[in-house]
Amino acid sequence: MYIFEAAALAAAFCWALGGYLAAGPSRHLGAFSFTRLRMAQVLVMLSTIVLIQNTWSSVMDDFWIICLSGLIGIFLGDTALFATMRRVGPRRTAVMFAANGPFSALLGYLFLGEVLALNQLIGCSIVVAGVIIAVLYGRSGRNLHVLEKTHGPLWLALLMGLTAAFCQAVGAILVKPALEAGADPIAVSALRVAVSVIMLMVMLLLPTSVFRAQNPLNSTIFWHTAVSGFLAMAVGMTLLLFALSGGKVGVVTVLSSTSPILVLPILWFTTRQTPTAGACLAAVLVVLGSILIFI
């Protein structure tokens, strides 16, 4: 296993665990408030590391393109992601987010000249099929655990989930040249997160309650959010950026999209409910699609 591909798989595991921990806080606070709190916590973590390592200078040459990557990939992408999670839970959200692999492969071909072979195109199609099956057939009547319940229209959750995946793919495409030029992945992560935090703070100025906390913050929610942010953003996103610095965008993002498979045993252990046939079939399709793209 090459180091960049291994980093992508490690990122997937961090996202699976971080996404599971984020489900409760995101429903308690609301998507915007939860994302704002988590991003602020992660910014403190990453900035501390960057200051210690003194690597801010590595991002100066590509400052604005990295900021744009953070605006699209993190601010828009993560907000849509946790709005999806609040509606349909971590399992379905993770499977929908797996579509960022095919999106990235397509954008890598269009803008970076990363040519896709026939097997990779077939693999992308299989992953998309897995996403659709997971959303439509991934639930049964016995899945009554709070993490498996659906809130609101399913079509809206699907739209938000695919939007999150597309924003993640665009953010990865934008930032890859800077990483290849030698920018420190942790400093890049910190700058992207800083942009997201600023935008989320600006949203508080708008006269609508959707950008404010839906319920009061307590210590349990605070620490669950912090651990989720550390795993998914401080560790997972940095691993993804490291993988992008030397791996092909399509391959790296598809491997990092295997979190739907990794989240299944976590939910199985927690909810004591065996994954449905639809969920298992979707996971198998995502694995097969990923393998085809990787070969």
Protein backbone atom coordinates (compact mmCIF):
# COMPACT_ATOMS: atom_id res chain seq x y z
CA MET A 1 0.00 0.00 0.00
CA TYR A 2 1.40 3.37 -0.95
CA ILE A 3 1.63 6.02 1.75
CA PHE A 4 -0.79 8.45 0.08
CA GLU A 5 -3.47 5.82 -0.44
CA ALA A 6 -2.99 4.62 3.15
CA ALA A 7 -3.47 8.21 4.35
CA ALA A 8 -6.73 8.42 2.37
CA LEU A 9 -8.04 5.26 4.03
CA ALA A 10 -7.00 6.55 7.45
CA ALA A 11 -8.91 9.76 6.72
CA ALA A 12 -11.99 7.67 5.91
CA PHE A 13 -11.78 5.97 9.30
CA CYS A 14 -11.44 9.33 11.07
CA TRP A 15 -14.48 10.65 9.21
CA ALA A 16 -16.53 7.56 10.04
CA LEU A 17 -15.83 7.86 13.76
CA GLY A 18 -16.04 11.65 13.78
CA GLY A 19 -19.32 11.56 11.85
CA TYR A 20 -20.81 9.13 14.33
CA LEU A 21 -19.86 11.38 17.25
CA ALA A 22 -21.21 14.42 15.43
CA ALA A 23 -24.72 13.09 14.87
CA GLY A 24 -26.05 13.97 18.32
CA PRO A 25 -24.49 17.45 18.64
CA SER A 26 -25.50 18.44 15.09
CA ARG A 27 -29.14 17.58 15.83
CA HIS A 28 -29.01 19.31 19.21
CA LEU A 29 -27.44 22.58 18.01
CA GLY A 30 -28.52 22.70 14.37
CA ALA A 31 -26.26 22.45 11.34
CA PHE A 32 -24.90 26.01 11.31
CA SER A 33 -24.35 26.35 15.04
CA PHE A 34 -22.73 22.93 15.28
CA THR A 35 -20.43 23.57 12.32
CA ARG A 36 -19.46 26.97 13.72
CA LEU A 37 -18.55 25.54 17.13
CA ARG A 38 -16.64 22.60 15.67
CA MET A 39 -14.70 24.74 13.22
CA ALA A 40 -13.72 27.21 15.94
CA GLN A 41 -12.44 24.34 18.10
CA VAL A 42 -10.51 22.83 15.20
CA LEU A 43 -9.01 26.21 14.27
CA VAL A 44 -7.53 26.52 17.76
CA MET A 45 -6.05 23.01 17.50
CA LEU A 46 -4.55 23.46 14.03
CA SER A 47 -3.29 27.01 14.57
CA THR A 48 -1.44 25.91 17.68
CA ILE A 49 0.34 23.17 15.72
CA VAL A 50 1.19 25.51 12.83
CA LEU A 51 2.58 28.16 15.19
CA ILE A 52 4.76 25.57 16.89
CA GLN A 53 6.02 24.26 13.54
CA ASN A 54 6.25 27.79 12.06
CA THR A 55 4.82 26.74 8.68
CA TRP A 56 2.42 29.62 7.92
CA SER A 57 4.82 30.88 5.25
CA SER A 58 4.25 27.74 3.16
CA VAL A 59 0.71 28.85 2.27
CA MET A 60 1.41 32.47 1.35
CA ASP A 61 2.06 31.88 -2.37
CA ASP A 62 -1.35 30.25 -2.81
CA PHE A 63 -3.17 32.16 -0.08
CA TRP A 64 -6.29 33.17 -2.02
CA ILE A 65 -6.83 29.89 -3.83
CA ILE A 66 -6.58 28.05 -0.50
CA CYS A 67 -9.12 30.48 0.96
CA LEU A 68 -11.47 29.76 -1.96
CA SER A 69 -10.97 26.05 -1.36
CA GLY A 70 -11.95 26.54 2.29
CA LEU A 71 -15.00 28.58 1.35
CA ILE A 72 -16.35 25.92 -1.00
CA GLY A 73 -14.98 22.70 0.45
CA ILE A 74 -15.42 23.39 4.15
CA PHE A 75 -17.88 26.26 4.72
CA LEU A 76 -20.41 25.21 2.08
CA GLY A 77 -19.50 21.50 2.08
CA ASP A 78 -19.49 20.88 5.83
CA THR A 79 -22.61 22.96 6.43
CA ALA A 80 -24.48 20.91 3.83
CA LEU A 81 -22.97 17.72 5.26
CA PHE A 82 -24.21 18.29 8.79
CA ALA A 83 -27.55 19.59 7.61
CA THR A 84 -27.85 16.19 5.91
CA MET A 85 -26.70 14.33 9.02
CA ARG A 86 -29.25 16.17 11.12
CA ARG A 87 -31.98 14.89 8.80
CA VAL A 88 -30.96 11.31 8.03
CA GLY A 89 -28.21 10.29 10.47
CA PRO A 90 -24.54 9.35 10.01
CA ARG A 91 -24.96 6.14 7.97
CA ARG A 92 -26.97 7.56 5.09
CA THR A 93 -24.98 10.79 5.19
CA ALA A 94 -21.71 8.89 4.89
CA VAL A 95 -22.96 6.88 1.94
CA MET A 96 -24.24 9.98 0.13
CA PHE A 97 -20.95 11.74 0.82
CA ALA A 98 -19.19 8.88 -0.97
CA ALA A 99 -20.28 10.56 -4.20
CA ASN A 100 -17.38 13.00 -3.73
CA GLY A 101 -15.16 10.27 -5.21
CA PRO A 102 -16.83 10.22 -8.63
CA PHE A 103 -17.17 14.00 -8.56
CA SER A 104 -13.45 14.37 -7.84
CA ALA A 105 -12.48 11.88 -10.51
CA LEU A 106 -14.50 13.82 -13.08
CA LEU A 107 -13.17 17.22 -12.00
CA GLY A 108 -9.62 15.85 -11.90
CA TYR A 109 -10.00 14.78 -15.51
CA LEU A 110 -11.53 18.08 -16.62
CA PHE A 111 -9.19 20.48 -14.81
CA LEU A 112 -6.03 18.56 -13.88
CA GLY A 113 -5.76 16.24 -16.87
CA GLU A 114 -5.97 13.08 -14.75
CA VAL A 115 -7.21 10.61 -17.35
CA LEU A 116 -9.73 8.01 -16.23
CA ALA A 117 -9.61 4.52 -17.66
CA LEU A 118 -12.76 2.59 -18.53
CA ASN A 119 -12.62 0.62 -15.29
CA GLN A 120 -12.49 3.88 -13.34
CA LEU A 121 -15.55 5.24 -15.10
CA ILE A 122 -17.40 2.01 -14.37
CA GLY A 123 -16.27 2.23 -10.75
CA CYS A 124 -17.67 5.76 -10.43
CA SER A 125 -21.01 4.56 -11.78
CA ILE A 126 -21.10 1.69 -9.28
CA VAL A 127 -20.39 4.05 -6.37
CA VAL A 128 -23.23 6.34 -7.46
CA ALA A 129 -25.52 3.29 -7.65
CA GLY A 130 -24.52 2.42 -4.10
CA VAL A 131 -25.42 5.93 -2.96
CA ILE A 132 -28.90 5.71 -4.48
CA ILE A 133 -29.56 2.23 -3.06
CA ALA A 134 -28.45 3.29 0.42
CA VAL A 135 -30.79 6.26 0.44
CA LEU A 136 -33.81 4.44 -0.99
CA TYR A 137 -33.46 0.99 0.59
CA GLY A 138 -31.12 1.40 3.55
CA ARG A 139 -33.83 1.53 6.20
CA SER A 140 -36.30 -0.95 7.59
CA GLY A 141 -39.18 -0.55 10.01
CA ARG A 142 -37.19 -2.04 12.86
CA ASN A 143 -34.44 0.59 12.63
CA LEU A 144 -36.03 2.81 15.26
CA HIS A 145 -32.84 4.06 16.92
CA VAL A 146 -32.58 7.86 16.97
CA LEU A 147 -29.50 7.67 14.73
CA GLU A 148 -31.56 5.90 12.06
CA LYS A 149 -34.63 8.13 12.00
CA THR A 150 -35.36 10.47 9.09
CA HIS A 151 -36.37 14.10 9.76
CA GLY A 152 -38.00 15.95 6.88
CA PRO A 153 -38.22 15.11 3.16
CA LEU A 154 -35.77 12.48 1.97
CA TRP A 155 -35.25 14.21 -1.40
CA LEU A 156 -34.01 17.34 0.38
CA ALA A 157 -31.52 15.32 2.42
CA LEU A 158 -30.30 13.65 -0.78
CA LEU A 159 -29.84 17.04 -2.44
CA MET A 160 -27.89 18.41 0.52
CA GLY A 161 -25.77 15.28 0.80
CA LEU A 162 -24.76 15.38 -2.86
CA THR A 163 -24.10 19.12 -2.58
CA ALA A 164 -21.73 18.43 0.31
CA ALA A 165 -19.94 15.79 -1.77
CA PHE A 166 -19.60 18.10 -4.76
CA CYS A 167 -18.27 20.98 -2.64
CA GLN A 168 -15.71 18.65 -1.08
CA ALA A 169 -14.55 17.58 -4.53
CA VAL A 170 -14.22 21.16 -5.77
CA GLY A 171 -12.28 22.13 -2.65
CA ALA A 172 -9.84 19.26 -3.21
CA ILE A 173 -9.28 20.19 -6.85
CA LEU A 174 -8.58 23.83 -5.96
CA VAL A 175 -6.07 23.05 -3.23
CA LYS A 176 -4.11 20.24 -4.93
CA PRO A 177 -1.68 22.49 -6.89
CA ALA A 178 -0.68 24.29 -3.66
CA LEU A 179 -0.04 20.98 -1.92
CA GLU A 180 2.03 19.72 -4.84
CA ALA A 181 4.07 22.93 -4.66
CA GLY A 182 5.05 22.11 -1.07
CA ALA A 183 2.46 23.82 1.15
CA ASP A 184 2.24 22.25 4.61
CA PRO A 185 -0.99 20.20 4.84
CA ILE A 186 -1.64 21.28 8.44
CA ALA A 187 -1.18 24.97 7.57
CA VAL A 188 -3.47 24.52 4.56
CA SER A 189 -6.09 22.90 6.79
CA ALA A 190 -5.82 25.73 9.31
CA LEU A 191 -6.27 28.43 6.65
CA ARG A 192 -9.25 26.65 5.08
CA VAL A 193 -10.88 26.23 8.50
CA ALA A 194 -10.21 29.89 9.35
CA VAL A 195 -12.13 30.97 6.24
CA SER A 196 -15.03 28.74 7.24
CA VAL A 197 -15.10 30.13 10.80
CA ILE A 198 -15.16 33.73 9.51
CA MET A 199 -18.06 32.98 7.15
CA LEU A 200 -20.01 31.16 9.85
CA MET A 201 -19.55 34.14 12.18
CA VAL A 202 -20.80 36.48 9.46
CA MET A 203 -23.91 34.32 9.14
CA LEU A 204 -24.83 35.28 12.71
CA LEU A 205 -25.46 38.83 11.48
CA LEU A 206 -28.36 37.68 9.31
CA PRO A 207 -31.82 38.13 10.85
CA THR A 208 -32.85 34.48 10.91
CA SER A 209 -32.83 31.86 13.64
CA VAL A 210 -31.54 29.07 11.37
CA PHE A 211 -27.96 30.28 11.92
CA ARG A 212 -28.28 30.23 15.71
CA ALA A 213 -28.23 27.35 18.16
CA GLN A 214 -31.49 25.40 18.20
CA ASN A 215 -30.85 24.27 21.80
CA PRO A 216 -28.52 25.46 24.60
CA LEU A 217 -24.91 24.29 24.57
CA ASN A 218 -23.87 22.03 27.45
CA SER A 219 -20.58 20.41 28.44
CA THR A 220 -21.43 17.02 26.91
CA ILE A 221 -22.27 18.56 23.54
CA PHE A 222 -19.18 20.77 23.73
CA TRP A 223 -16.76 17.87 24.28
CA HIS A 224 -18.45 15.52 21.82
CA THR A 225 -18.16 18.28 19.23
CA ALA A 226 -14.50 18.86 20.09
CA VAL A 227 -13.61 15.16 19.77
CA SER A 228 -15.57 14.91 16.53
CA GLY A 229 -13.75 17.95 15.16
CA PHE A 230 -10.35 16.63 16.20
CA LEU A 231 -10.92 13.29 14.50
CA ALA A 232 -12.65 14.49 11.34
CA MET A 233 -10.99 17.86 10.69
CA ALA A 234 -7.73 18.13 12.61
CA VAL A 235 -6.68 14.55 11.78
CA GLY A 236 -8.92 13.35 8.94
CA MET A 237 -8.79 16.45 6.75
CA THR A 238 -5.05 16.84 7.25
CA LEU A 239 -4.54 13.21 6.24
CA LEU A 240 -6.66 13.83 3.14
CA LEU A 241 -4.61 16.90 2.17
CA PHE A 242 -1.41 14.94 2.68
CA ALA A 243 -2.79 12.20 0.43
CA LEU A 244 -3.72 14.79 -2.22
CA SER A 245 -0.18 16.19 -2.16
CA GLY A 246 1.12 13.04 -3.84
CA GLY A 247 -1.85 10.97 -5.02
CA LYS A 248 -4.32 11.35 -7.87
CA VAL A 249 -7.43 13.26 -6.85
CA GLY A 250 -9.86 10.62 -8.10
CA VAL A 251 -8.12 7.73 -6.39
CA VAL A 252 -7.53 9.57 -3.11
CA THR A 253 -11.07 10.87 -2.75
CA VAL A 254 -12.66 7.55 -3.62
CA LEU A 255 -10.54 5.74 -1.05
CA SER A 256 -11.39 8.40 1.52
CA SER A 257 -15.05 7.83 0.66
CA THR A 258 -15.01 4.34 2.14
CA SER A 259 -16.27 5.78 5.45
CA PRO A 260 -19.78 4.36 4.77
CA ILE A 261 -18.34 0.88 5.14
CA LEU A 262 -16.37 1.83 8.24
CA VAL A 263 -19.34 3.49 9.92
CA LEU A 264 -21.54 0.37 9.60
CA PRO A 265 -19.79 -1.72 12.31
CA ILE A 266 -19.69 1.35 14.57
CA LEU A 267 -23.47 1.77 14.28
CA TRP A 268 -24.00 -1.97 14.52
CA PHE A 269 -22.10 -2.07 17.82
CA THR A 270 -23.84 1.05 19.17
CA THR A 271 -27.44 0.49 18.10
CA ARG A 272 -27.35 -3.33 18.31
CA GLN A 273 -29.23 -3.37 15.01
CA THR A 274 -27.93 -5.42 12.09
CA PRO A 275 -27.47 -3.32 8.93
CA THR A 276 -30.28 -3.81 6.44
CA ALA A 277 -29.80 -5.67 3.18
CA GLY A 278 -29.95 -2.34 1.35
CA ALA A 279 -27.20 -0.86 3.51
CA CYS A 280 -25.01 -3.94 3.04
CA LEU A 281 -25.56 -3.96 -0.71
CA ALA A 282 -24.74 -0.25 -0.90
CA ALA A 283 -21.54 -0.81 1.08
CA VAL A 284 -20.51 -3.67 -1.19
CA LEU A 285 -21.12 -1.52 -4.28
CA VAL A 286 -19.08 1.33 -2.83
CA VAL A 287 -16.21 -1.08 -2.12
CA LEU A 288 -16.38 -2.62 -5.60
CA GLY A 289 -16.55 0.78 -7.24
CA SER A 290 -13.59 1.99 -5.21
CA ILE A 291 -11.56 -1.07 -6.14
CA LEU A 292 -12.29 -0.57 -9.83
CA ILE A 293 -11.24 3.07 -9.66
CA PHE A 294 -8.08 2.18 -7.75
CA ILE A 295 -6.93 -0.59 -10.11
